[in-house]
Amino acid sequence: MSTSVISSEPRAHSIELVTDGLVVQLKDGRTLTVPLEWFPWLRDASDADRRNYELYADGYAIHWPSLDQDISIPGLLGLPD
């Protein structure tokens, strides 16, 4: 029998911003899509500011320097930060 184990420390591999959502590809192969409505500051940002992001702490969080905002990957999954 094969068992799949999901890491207790999910990390982002990459992100994509689509029309109404934030798509996060996790290092463990999962893909998470969340609505931009959850983040009005990101929804209302310019395209240039949205594209100006960095993954930091080995993908633990996404940071938008020009917006001075962060989103943690555990937080997106409803896990404690």
PDB file of N, CA and C in Angstrom:
ATOM      1  N   MET A   1       0.842  -1.175   0.000  1.00  0.00           N
ATOM      2  CA  MET A   1       0.000   0.000   0.000  1.00  0.00           C
ATOM      3  C   MET A   1       0.888   1.240   0.000  1.00  0.00           C
ATOM      4  N   SER A   2       0.510   2.216  -0.780  1.00  0.00           N
ATOM      5  CA  SER A   2       1.254   3.460  -0.885  1.00  0.00           C
ATOM      6  C   SER A   2       0.535   4.545  -0.095  1.00  0.00           C
ATOM      7  N   THR A   3       1.298   5.342   0.624  1.00  0.00           N
ATOM      8  CA  THR A   3       0.719   6.428   1.411  1.00  0.00           C
ATOM      9  C   THR A   3       1.383   7.733   0.996  1.00  0.00           C
ATOM     10  N   SER A   4       0.584   8.770   0.835  1.00  0.00           N
ATOM     11  CA  SER A   4       1.100  10.084   0.495  1.00  0.00           C
ATOM     12  C   SER A   4       1.141  10.925   1.766  1.00  0.00           C
ATOM     13  N   VAL A   5       2.266  11.570   2.003  1.00  0.00           N
ATOM     14  CA  VAL A   5       2.422  12.400   3.188  1.00  0.00           C
ATOM     15  C   VAL A   5       2.552  13.852   2.747  1.00  0.00           C
ATOM     16  N   ILE A   6       1.751  14.722   3.334  1.00  0.00           N
ATOM     17  CA  ILE A   6       1.819  16.146   3.046  1.00  0.00           C
ATOM     18  C   ILE A   6       2.656  16.804   4.125  1.00  0.00           C
ATOM     19  N   SER A   7       3.658  17.545   3.695  1.00  0.00           N
ATOM     20  CA  SER A   7       4.554  18.215   4.637  1.00  0.00           C
ATOM     21  C   SER A   7       3.783  19.148   5.551  1.00  0.00           C
ATOM     22  N   SER A   8       4.219  19.203   6.814  1.00  0.00           N
ATOM     23  CA  SER A   8       3.589  20.126   7.751  1.00  0.00           C
ATOM     24  C   SER A   8       4.082  21.550   7.521  1.00  0.00           C
ATOM     25  N   GLU A   9       5.052  21.707   6.660  1.00  0.00           N
ATOM     26  CA  GLU A   9       5.599  23.029   6.360  1.00  0.00           C
ATOM     27  C   GLU A   9       5.508  23.286   4.862  1.00  0.00           C
ATOM     28  N   PRO A  10       4.336  23.640   4.372  1.00  0.00           N
ATOM     29  CA  PRO A  10       4.188  23.856   2.928  1.00  0.00           C
ATOM     30  C   PRO A  10       4.983  25.070   2.463  1.00  0.00           C
ATOM     31  N   ARG A  11       5.535  24.973   1.269  1.00  0.00           N
ATOM     32  CA  ARG A  11       6.341  26.040   0.691  1.00  0.00           C
ATOM     33  C   ARG A  11       5.899  26.297  -0.740  1.00  0.00           C
ATOM     34  N   ALA A  12       5.939  27.554  -1.141  1.00  0.00           N
ATOM     35  CA  ALA A  12       5.587  27.934  -2.505  1.00  0.00           C
ATOM     36  C   ALA A  12       6.769  27.686  -3.433  1.00  0.00           C
ATOM     37  N   HIS A  13       6.469  27.172  -4.598  1.00  0.00           N
ATOM     38  CA  HIS A  13       7.466  27.007  -5.655  1.00  0.00           C
ATOM     39  C   HIS A  13       7.374  28.178  -6.627  1.00  0.00           C
ATOM     40  N   SER A  14       6.122  28.581  -6.932  1.00  0.00           N
ATOM     41  CA  SER A  14       5.901  29.713  -7.838  1.00  0.00           C
ATOM     42  C   SER A  14       4.486  30.229  -7.632  1.00  0.00           C
ATOM     43  N   ILE A  15       4.239  31.427  -8.149  1.00  0.00           N
ATOM     44  CA  ILE A  15       2.883  31.967  -8.100  1.00  0.00           C
ATOM     45  C   ILE A  15       2.527  32.537  -9.464  1.00  0.00           C
ATOM     46  N   GLU A  16       1.228  32.666  -9.672  1.00  0.00           N
ATOM     47  CA  GLU A  16       0.703  33.299 -10.877  1.00  0.00           C
ATOM     48  C   GLU A  16      -0.518  34.102 -10.469  1.00  0.00           C
ATOM     49  N   LEU A  17      -0.622  35.293 -10.988  1.00  0.00           N
ATOM     50  CA  LEU A  17      -1.803  36.107 -10.750  1.00  0.00           C
ATOM     51  C   LEU A  17      -2.683  36.019 -11.987  1.00  0.00           C
ATOM     52  N   VAL A  18      -3.906  35.543 -11.794  1.00  0.00           N
ATOM     53  CA  VAL A  18      -4.867  35.453 -12.878  1.00  0.00           C
ATOM     54  C   VAL A  18      -5.940  36.503 -12.643  1.00  0.00           C
ATOM     55  N   THR A  19      -6.880  36.619 -13.557  1.00  0.00           N
ATOM     56  CA  THR A  19      -7.876  37.691 -13.507  1.00  0.00           C
ATOM     57  C   THR A  19      -8.474  37.895 -12.122  1.00  0.00           C
ATOM     58  N   ASP A  20      -8.976  36.852 -11.510  1.00  0.00           N
ATOM     59  CA  ASP A  20      -9.660  36.989 -10.220  1.00  0.00           C
ATOM     60  C   ASP A  20      -8.990  36.234  -9.086  1.00  0.00           C
ATOM     61  N   GLY A  21      -7.763  35.747  -9.308  1.00  0.00           N
ATOM     62  CA  GLY A  21      -7.186  34.920  -8.271  1.00  0.00           C
ATOM     63  C   GLY A  21      -5.676  34.913  -8.219  1.00  0.00           C
ATOM     64  N   LEU A  22      -5.210  34.343  -7.131  1.00  0.00           N
ATOM     65  CA  LEU A  22      -3.793  34.101  -6.893  1.00  0.00           C
ATOM     66  C   LEU A  22      -3.606  32.592  -6.927  1.00  0.00           C
ATOM     67  N   VAL A  23      -2.755  32.117  -7.824  1.00  0.00           N
ATOM     68  CA  VAL A  23      -2.494  30.684  -7.966  1.00  0.00           C
ATOM     69  C   VAL A  23      -1.103  30.416  -7.418  1.00  0.00           C
ATOM     70  N   VAL A  24      -1.026  29.536  -6.433  1.00  0.00           N
ATOM     71  CA  VAL A  24       0.252  29.218  -5.798  1.00  0.00           C
ATOM     72  C   VAL A  24       0.556  27.749  -6.057  1.00  0.00           C
ATOM     73  N   GLN A  25       1.674  27.513  -6.715  1.00  0.00           N
ATOM     74  CA  GLN A  25       2.155  26.148  -6.934  1.00  0.00           C
ATOM     75  C   GLN A  25       3.058  25.808  -5.760  1.00  0.00           C
ATOM     76  N   LEU A  26       2.702  24.780  -5.003  1.00  0.00           N
ATOM     77  CA  LEU A  26       3.500  24.396  -3.839  1.00  0.00           C
ATOM     78  C   LEU A  26       4.590  23.418  -4.237  1.00  0.00           C
ATOM     79  N   LYS A  27       5.654  23.384  -3.458  1.00  0.00           N
ATOM     80  CA  LYS A  27       6.781  22.503  -3.747  1.00  0.00           C
ATOM     81  C   LYS A  27       6.402  21.027  -3.684  1.00  0.00           C
ATOM     82  N   ASP A  28       5.335  20.696  -2.940  1.00  0.00           N
ATOM     83  CA  ASP A  28       4.928  19.294  -2.843  1.00  0.00           C
ATOM     84  C   ASP A  28       3.991  18.869  -3.979  1.00  0.00           C
ATOM     85  N   GLY A  29       3.793  19.777  -4.959  1.00  0.00           N
ATOM     86  CA  GLY A  29       2.993  19.426  -6.129  1.00  0.00           C
ATOM     87  C   GLY A  29       1.559  19.914  -6.090  1.00  0.00           C
ATOM     88  N   ARG A  30       1.087  20.349  -4.942  1.00  0.00           N
ATOM     89  CA  ARG A  30      -0.279  20.867  -4.866  1.00  0.00           C
ATOM     90  C   ARG A  30      -0.344  22.253  -5.482  1.00  0.00           C
ATOM     91  N   THR A  31      -1.529  22.597  -5.969  1.00  0.00           N
ATOM     92  CA  THR A  31      -1.792  23.938  -6.478  1.00  0.00           C
ATOM     93  C   THR A  31      -2.944  24.519  -5.681  1.00  0.00           C
ATOM     94  N   LEU A  32      -2.762  25.728  -5.224  1.00  0.00           N
ATOM     95  CA  LEU A  32      -3.766  26.417  -4.420  1.00  0.00           C
ATOM     96  C   LEU A  32      -4.195  27.671  -5.164  1.00  0.00           C
ATOM     97  N   THR A  33      -5.491  27.838  -5.359  1.00  0.00           N
ATOM     98  CA  THR A  33      -6.015  29.056  -5.981  1.00  0.00           C
ATOM     99  C   THR A  33      -6.943  29.737  -4.993  1.00  0.00           C
ATOM    100  N   VAL A  34      -6.688  31.009  -4.745  1.00  0.00           N
ATOM    101  CA  VAL A  34      -7.522  31.781  -3.819  1.00  0.00           C
ATOM    102  C   VAL A  34      -8.001  33.038  -4.534  1.00  0.00           C
ATOM    103  N   PRO A  35      -9.192  33.509  -4.194  1.00  0.00           N
ATOM    104  CA  PRO A  35      -9.710  34.709  -4.860  1.00  0.00           C
ATOM    105  C   PRO A  35      -8.970  35.967  -4.412  1.00  0.00           C
ATOM    106  N   LEU A  36      -8.777  36.884  -5.344  1.00  0.00           N
ATOM    107  CA  LEU A  36      -8.150  38.159  -4.999  1.00  0.00           C
ATOM    108  C   LEU A  36      -9.017  38.967  -4.049  1.00  0.00           C
ATOM    109  N   GLU A  37     -10.297  38.660  -3.976  1.00  0.00           N
ATOM    110  CA  GLU A  37     -11.187  39.334  -3.020  1.00  0.00           C
ATOM    111  C   GLU A  37     -10.691  39.176  -1.585  1.00  0.00           C
ATOM    112  N   TRP A  38      -9.954  38.105  -1.317  1.00  0.00           N
ATOM    113  CA  TRP A  38      -9.411  37.903   0.028  1.00  0.00           C
ATOM    114  C   TRP A  38      -8.353  38.955   0.363  1.00  0.00           C
ATOM    115  N   PHE A  39      -7.766  39.556  -0.662  1.00  0.00           N
ATOM    116  CA  PHE A  39      -6.667  40.509  -0.484  1.00  0.00           C
ATOM    117  C   PHE A  39      -6.962  41.771  -1.287  1.00  0.00           C
ATOM    118  N   PRO A  40      -7.834  42.637  -0.781  1.00  0.00           N
ATOM    119  CA  PRO A  40      -8.181  43.854  -1.529  1.00  0.00           C
ATOM    120  C   PRO A  40      -6.969  44.688  -1.916  1.00  0.00           C
ATOM    121  N   TRP A  41      -5.947  44.712  -1.077  1.00  0.00           N
ATOM    122  CA  TRP A  41      -4.739  45.476  -1.378  1.00  0.00           C
ATOM    123  C   TRP A  41      -4.047  44.925  -2.618  1.00  0.00           C
ATOM    124  N   LEU A  42      -4.136  43.631  -2.866  1.00  0.00           N
ATOM    125  CA  LEU A  42      -3.547  43.025  -4.059  1.00  0.00           C
ATOM    126  C   LEU A  42      -4.490  43.161  -5.250  1.00  0.00           C
ATOM    127  N   ARG A  43      -5.764  42.953  -5.005  1.00  0.00           N
ATOM    128  CA  ARG A  43      -6.781  43.099  -6.058  1.00  0.00           C
ATOM    129  C   ARG A  43      -6.728  44.491  -6.675  1.00  0.00           C
ATOM    130  N   ASP A  44      -6.569  45.518  -5.842  1.00  0.00           N
ATOM    131  CA  ASP A  44      -6.620  46.910  -6.297  1.00  0.00           C
ATOM    132  C   ASP A  44      -5.256  47.461  -6.736  1.00  0.00           C
ATOM    133  N   ALA A  45      -4.214  46.673  -6.612  1.00  0.00           N
ATOM    134  CA  ALA A  45      -2.870  47.129  -6.974  1.00  0.00           C
ATOM    135  C   ALA A  45      -2.705  47.192  -8.493  1.00  0.00           C
ATOM    136  N   SER A  46      -1.734  47.971  -8.927  1.00  0.00           N
ATOM    137  CA  SER A  46      -1.422  48.032 -10.358  1.00  0.00           C
ATOM    138  C   SER A  46      -0.806  46.703 -10.795  1.00  0.00           C
ATOM    139  N   ASP A  47      -0.848  46.443 -12.091  1.00  0.00           N
ATOM    140  CA  ASP A  47      -0.229  45.225 -12.619  1.00  0.00           C
ATOM    141  C   ASP A  47       1.261  45.187 -12.289  1.00  0.00           C
ATOM    142  N   ALA A  48       1.919  46.333 -12.392  1.00  0.00           N
ATOM    143  CA  ALA A  48       3.355  46.392 -12.086  1.00  0.00           C
ATOM    144  C   ALA A  48       3.616  46.010 -10.627  1.00  0.00           C
ATOM    145  N   ASP A  49       2.819  46.518  -9.709  1.00  0.00           N
ATOM    146  CA  ASP A  49       2.994  46.183  -8.298  1.00  0.00           C
ATOM    147  C   ASP A  49       2.669  44.720  -8.032  1.00  0.00           C
ATOM    148  N   ARG A  50       1.665  44.181  -8.697  1.00  0.00           N
ATOM    149  CA  ARG A  50       1.335  42.756  -8.521  1.00  0.00           C
ATOM    150  C   ARG A  50       2.468  41.857  -8.982  1.00  0.00           C
ATOM    151  N   ARG A  51       3.108  42.223 -10.088  1.00  0.00           N
ATOM    152  CA  ARG A  51       4.200  41.405 -10.642  1.00  0.00           C
ATOM    153  C   ARG A  51       5.491  41.541  -9.838  1.00  0.00           C
ATOM    154  N   ASN A  52       5.589  42.553  -9.011  1.00  0.00           N
ATOM    155  CA  ASN A  52       6.785  42.801  -8.214  1.00  0.00           C
ATOM    156  C   ASN A  52       6.672  42.061  -6.880  1.00  0.00           C
ATOM    157  N   TYR A  53       6.922  40.761  -6.914  1.00  0.00           N
ATOM    158  CA  TYR A  53       6.841  39.945  -5.699  1.00  0.00           C
ATOM    159  C   TYR A  53       8.118  39.130  -5.553  1.00  0.00           C
ATOM    160  N   GLU A  54       8.328  38.620  -4.355  1.00  0.00           N
ATOM    161  CA  GLU A  54       9.444  37.725  -4.079  1.00  0.00           C
ATOM    162  C   GLU A  54       8.958  36.606  -3.179  1.00  0.00           C
ATOM    163  N   LEU A  55       9.478  35.423  -3.416  1.00  0.00           N
ATOM    164  CA  LEU A  55       9.269  34.316  -2.484  1.00  0.00           C
ATOM    165  C   LEU A  55      10.436  34.378  -1.509  1.00  0.00           C
ATOM    166  N   TYR A  56      10.138  34.290  -0.237  1.00  0.00           N
ATOM    167  CA  TYR A  56      11.247  34.312   0.712  1.00  0.00           C
ATOM    168  C   TYR A  56      11.094  33.219   1.753  1.00  0.00           C
ATOM    169  N   ALA A  57      12.178  33.017   2.507  1.00  0.00           N
ATOM    170  CA  ALA A  57      12.264  31.949   3.513  1.00  0.00           C
ATOM    171  C   ALA A  57      11.946  30.596   2.879  1.00  0.00           C
ATOM    172  N   ASP A  58      12.615  30.326   1.755  1.00  0.00           N
ATOM    173  CA  ASP A  58      12.446  29.061   1.030  1.00  0.00           C
ATOM    174  C   ASP A  58      10.989  28.816   0.646  1.00  0.00           C
ATOM    175  N   GLY A  59      10.281  29.876   0.271  1.00  0.00           N
ATOM    176  CA  GLY A  59       8.889  29.743  -0.173  1.00  0.00           C
ATOM    177  C   GLY A  59       7.868  29.773   0.948  1.00  0.00           C
ATOM    178  N   TYR A  60       8.299  30.119   2.150  1.00  0.00           N
ATOM    179  CA  TYR A  60       7.366  30.196   3.287  1.00  0.00           C
ATOM    180  C   TYR A  60       6.314  31.281   3.085  1.00  0.00           C
ATOM    181  N   ALA A  61       6.698  32.361   2.388  1.00  0.00           N
ATOM    182  CA  ALA A  61       5.785  33.484   2.210  1.00  0.00           C
ATOM    183  C   ALA A  61       6.068  34.190   0.890  1.00  0.00           C
ATOM    184  N   ILE A  62       5.098  34.997   0.496  1.00  0.00           N
ATOM    185  CA  ILE A  62       5.208  35.838  -0.688  1.00  0.00           C
ATOM    186  C   ILE A  62       5.229  37.278  -0.186  1.00  0.00           C
ATOM    187  N   HIS A  63       6.159  38.059  -0.717  1.00  0.00           N
ATOM    188  CA  HIS A  63       6.296  39.451  -0.297  1.00  0.00           C
ATOM    189  C   HIS A  63       6.201  40.357  -1.515  1.00  0.00           C
ATOM    190  N   TRP A  64       5.413  41.425  -1.395  1.00  0.00           N
ATOM    191  CA  TRP A  64       5.298  42.454  -2.426  1.00  0.00           C
ATOM    192  C   TRP A  64       5.971  43.708  -1.872  1.00  0.00           C
ATOM    193  N   PRO A  65       7.237  43.964  -2.261  1.00  0.00           N
ATOM    194  CA  PRO A  65       7.989  45.089  -1.694  1.00  0.00           C
ATOM    195  C   PRO A  65       7.326  46.444  -1.904  1.00  0.00           C
ATOM    196  N   SER A  66       6.839  46.702  -3.105  1.00  0.00           N
ATOM    197  CA  SER A  66       6.262  48.025  -3.377  1.00  0.00           C
ATOM    198  C   SER A  66       4.930  48.235  -2.669  1.00  0.00           C
ATOM    199  N   LEU A  67       4.292  47.135  -2.248  1.00  0.00           N
ATOM    200  CA  LEU A  67       3.023  47.233  -1.510  1.00  0.00           C
ATOM    201  C   LEU A  67       3.238  47.065  -0.010  1.00  0.00           C
ATOM    202  N   ASP A  68       4.455  46.638   0.390  1.00  0.00           N
ATOM    203  CA  ASP A  68       4.784  46.360   1.789  1.00  0.00           C
ATOM    204  C   ASP A  68       3.778  45.393   2.408  1.00  0.00           C
ATOM    205  N   GLN A  69       3.511  44.294   1.681  1.00  0.00           N
ATOM    206  CA  GLN A  69       2.543  43.291   2.133  1.00  0.00           C
ATOM    207  C   GLN A  69       3.138  41.896   1.967  1.00  0.00           C
ATOM    208  N   ASP A  70       2.686  40.982   2.828  1.00  0.00           N
ATOM    209  CA  ASP A  70       3.129  39.592   2.796  1.00  0.00           C
ATOM    210  C   ASP A  70       1.927  38.663   2.917  1.00  0.00           C
ATOM    211  N   ILE A  71       2.062  37.479   2.348  1.00  0.00           N
ATOM    212  CA  ILE A  71       1.091  36.406   2.540  1.00  0.00           C
ATOM    213  C   ILE A  71       1.895  35.154   2.874  1.00  0.00           C
ATOM    214  N   SER A  72       1.603  34.532   4.006  1.00  0.00           N
ATOM    215  CA  SER A  72       2.297  33.290   4.348  1.00  0.00           C
ATOM    216  C   SER A  72       1.554  32.109   3.712  1.00  0.00           C
ATOM    217  N   ILE A  73       2.305  31.121   3.319  1.00  0.00           N
ATOM    218  CA  ILE A  73       1.700  29.938   2.710  1.00  0.00           C
ATOM    219  C   ILE A  73       0.903  29.145   3.757  1.00  0.00           C
ATOM    220  N   PRO A  74       1.422  28.940   4.968  1.00  0.00           N
ATOM    221  CA  PRO A  74       0.587  28.270   5.976  1.00  0.00           C
ATOM    222  C   PRO A  74      -0.727  29.012   6.221  1.00  0.00           C
ATOM    223  N   GLY A  75      -0.682  30.346   6.229  1.00  0.00           N
ATOM    224  CA  GLY A  75      -1.892  31.131   6.424  1.00  0.00           C
ATOM    225  C   GLY A  75      -2.912  30.897   5.333  1.00  0.00           C
ATOM    226  N   LEU A  76      -2.456  30.777   4.075  1.00  0.00           N
ATOM    227  CA  LEU A  76      -3.370  30.482   2.977  1.00  0.00           C
ATOM    228  C   LEU A  76      -4.069  29.142   3.147  1.00  0.00           C
ATOM    229  N   LEU A  77      -3.360  28.213   3.774  1.00  0.00           N
ATOM    230  CA  LEU A  77      -3.910  26.868   3.988  1.00  0.00           C
ATOM    231  C   LEU A  77      -4.667  26.739   5.300  1.00  0.00           C
ATOM    232  N   GLY A  78      -4.778  27.830   6.033  1.00  0.00           N
ATOM    233  CA  GLY A  78      -5.498  27.788   7.313  1.00  0.00           C
ATOM    234  C   GLY A  78      -4.695  27.148   8.427  1.00  0.00           C
ATOM    235  N   LEU A  79      -3.379  27.095   8.259  1.00  0.00           N
ATOM    236  CA  LEU A  79      -2.496  26.534   9.277  1.00  0.00           C
ATOM    237  C   LEU A  79      -1.916  27.661  10.119  1.00  0.00           C
ATOM    238  N   PRO A  80      -1.485  27.369  11.334  1.00  0.00           N
ATOM    239  CA  PRO A  80      -0.849  28.423  12.133  1.00  0.00           C
ATOM    240  C   PRO A  80       0.478  28.826  11.498  1.00  0.00           C
ATOM    241  N   ASP A  81       0.783  30.124  11.558  1.00  0.00           N
ATOM    242  CA  ASP A  81       2.041  30.641  10.992  1.00  0.00           C
ATOM    243  C   ASP A  81       3.210  30.308  11.852  1.00  0.00           C
TER     244      ASP A  81
END
